[in-house]
C-alpha atoms as a PDB file:
ATOM      1  CA  MET A   1      97.414  92.979 119.309  1.00  0.00           C
ATOM      2  CA  THR A   2     100.019  94.596 119.984  1.00  0.00           C
ATOM      3  CA  ALA A   3     101.429  97.912 118.253  1.00  0.00           C
ATOM      4  CA  ASP A   4     104.477  95.884 117.238  1.00  0.00           C
ATOM      5  CA  GLN A   5     102.849  93.178 115.366  1.00  0.00           C
ATOM      6  CA  ILE A   6     100.511  95.640 113.768  1.00  0.00           C
ATOM      7  CA  ARG A   7     102.805  98.056 112.344  1.00  0.00           C
ATOM      8  CA  ASP A   8     104.826  94.965 111.414  1.00  0.00           C
ATOM      9  CA  MET A   9     101.067  93.508 109.502  1.00  0.00           C
ATOM     10  CA  ILE A  10     101.080  96.885 107.937  1.00  0.00           C
ATOM     11  CA  ALA A  11     104.010  97.396 106.946  1.00  0.00           C
ATOM     12  CA  ALA A  12     104.541  93.891 105.501  1.00  0.00           C
ATOM     13  CA  SER A  13     101.415  94.740 103.000  1.00  0.00           C
ATOM     14  CA  LEU A  14     102.631  98.213 102.395  1.00  0.00           C
ATOM     15  CA  LEU A  15     106.091  99.376 101.645  1.00  0.00           C
ATOM     16  CA  CYS A  16     106.171 102.465 104.130  1.00  0.00           C
ATOM     17  CA  GLU A  17     108.373 105.076 104.126  1.00  0.00           C
ATOM     18  CA  HIS A  18     107.610 106.370 107.621  1.00  0.00           C
ATOM     19  CA  ILE A  19     104.798 104.246 109.982  1.00  0.00           C
ATOM     20  CA  THR A  20     103.807 105.028 113.774  1.00  0.00           C
ATOM     21  CA  LEU A  21     101.107 103.524 115.887  1.00  0.00           C
ATOM     22  CA  ASN A  22     100.461 103.908 119.173  1.00  0.00           C
ATOM     23  CA  GLY A  23      97.141 103.035 121.254  1.00  0.00           C
ATOM     24  CA  ASP A  24      95.971 101.451 124.554  1.00  0.00           C
ATOM     25  CA  GLY A  25      94.980  97.706 123.248  1.00  0.00           C
ATOM     26  CA  ARG A  26      92.169  98.536 121.925  1.00  0.00           C
ATOM     27  CA  HIS A  27      92.359 102.142 120.003  1.00  0.00           C
ATOM     28  CA  TRP A  28      94.968 102.562 118.131  1.00  0.00           C
ATOM     29  CA  PHE A  29      96.288 106.037 115.761  1.00  0.00           C
ATOM     30  CA  THR A  30      98.709 105.962 112.980  1.00  0.00           C
ATOM     31  CA  THR A  31     100.667 107.709 110.685  1.00  0.00           C
ATOM     32  CA  ILE A  32     101.865 106.147 107.516  1.00  0.00           C
ATOM     33  CA  VAL A  33     104.040 107.427 104.789  1.00  0.00           C
ATOM     34  CA  SER A  34     103.539 105.560 101.662  1.00  0.00           C
ATOM     35  CA  ALA A  35     104.801 106.225  97.710  1.00  0.00           C
ATOM     36  CA  ALA A  36     101.400 103.663  97.524  1.00  0.00           C
ATOM     37  CA  PHE A  37      98.825 106.187  98.301  1.00  0.00           C
ATOM     38  CA  GLU A  38      99.913 108.347  95.189  1.00  0.00           C
ATOM     39  CA  GLY A  39      96.930 109.688  93.066  1.00  0.00           C
ATOM     40  CA  LYS A  40      94.406 107.862  95.672  1.00  0.00           C
ATOM     41  CA  ARG A  41      91.921 110.042  98.057  1.00  0.00           C
ATOM     42  CA  ALA A  42      91.403 109.254 102.060  1.00  0.00           C
ATOM     43  CA  ILE A  43      89.315 106.660 101.987  1.00  0.00           C
ATOM     44  CA  GLN A  44      91.087 104.577  99.587  1.00  0.00           C
ATOM     45  CA  ARG A  45      94.152 105.160 101.524  1.00  0.00           C
ATOM     46  CA  HIS A  46      91.765 104.109 104.981  1.00  0.00           C
ATOM     47  CA  GLN A  47      90.916 100.911 103.092  1.00  0.00           C
ATOM     48  CA  MET A  48      94.189  99.645 101.686  1.00  0.00           C
ATOM     49  CA  VAL A  49      95.987 100.225 105.895  1.00  0.00           C
ATOM     50  CA  TYR A  50      92.868  98.468 106.555  1.00  0.00           C
ATOM     51  CA  ALA A  51      93.224  95.560 104.403  1.00  0.00           C
ATOM     52  CA  THR A  52      96.464  94.366 105.622  1.00  0.00           C
ATOM     53  CA  LEU A  53      94.447  93.702 108.857  1.00  0.00           C
ATOM     54  CA  GLY A  54      92.167  91.503 106.966  1.00  0.00           C
ATOM     55  CA  GLU A  55      90.512  89.340 109.583  1.00  0.00           C
ATOM     56  CA  LYS A  56      92.220  91.368 112.361  1.00  0.00           C
ATOM     57  CA  MET A  57      89.760  93.899 112.321  1.00  0.00           C
ATOM     58  CA  LYS A  58      86.430  92.048 112.069  1.00  0.00           C
ATOM     59  CA  THR A  59      87.451  90.150 114.655  1.00  0.00           C
ATOM     60  CA  ASP A  60      87.814  93.176 117.050  1.00  0.00           C
ATOM     61  CA  GLU A  61      91.430  92.003 117.615  1.00  0.00           C
ATOM     62  CA  VAL A  62      91.534  95.593 116.150  1.00  0.00           C
ATOM     63  CA  HIS A  63      88.769  97.154 117.562  1.00  0.00           C
ATOM     64  CA  ALA A  64      89.773 101.330 116.444  1.00  0.00           C
ATOM     65  CA  LEU A  65      91.933 102.486 113.977  1.00  0.00           C
ATOM     66  CA  SER A  66      92.427 106.223 113.083  1.00  0.00           C
ATOM     67  CA  ILE A  67      95.004 107.087 110.271  1.00  0.00           C
ATOM     68  CA  LYS A  68      96.930 109.723 109.150  1.00  0.00           C
ATOM     69  CA  ALA A  69      97.738 108.521 105.664  1.00  0.00           C
ATOM     70  CA  TYR A  70     100.243 111.180 103.556  1.00  0.00           C
ATOM     71  CA  THR A  71     102.390 110.516 100.539  1.00  0.00           C
ATOM     72  CA  PRO A  72     106.098 111.477 100.591  1.00  0.00           C
ATOM     73  CA  VAL A  73     105.708 114.778  99.341  1.00  0.00           C
ATOM     74  CA  GLU A  74     102.300 115.333 101.613  1.00  0.00           C
ATOM     75  CA  TRP A  75     104.533 114.434 104.452  1.00  0.00           C
ATOM     76  CA  ALA A  76     107.600 116.705 103.432  1.00  0.00           C
ATOM     77  CA  ALA A  77     105.810 119.051 103.841  1.00  0.00           C
ATOM     78  CA  LEU A  78     104.121 119.064 106.627  1.00  0.00           C
ATOM     79  CA  PRO A  79     105.892 120.980 109.370  1.00  0.00           C
ATOM     80  CA  GLN A  80     107.902 119.247 110.716  1.00  0.00           C
END
């Protein structure tokens, strides 16, 4: 899968204010900012992102995905 395909799948299922995705075709790194993460623990946020990719995670089309998931407030507080 390409970065654009993965990014589109995530964005289609999760309203994101910001999303970046980089990788080498097997190992991916993403930063996502979404209000949907409000009140969720890190593991819950990761599960939400994994759910957007569904079978792609189970069939190894997306081998590894490292996730940084922030709420808009958390994102705004980070040094830019």
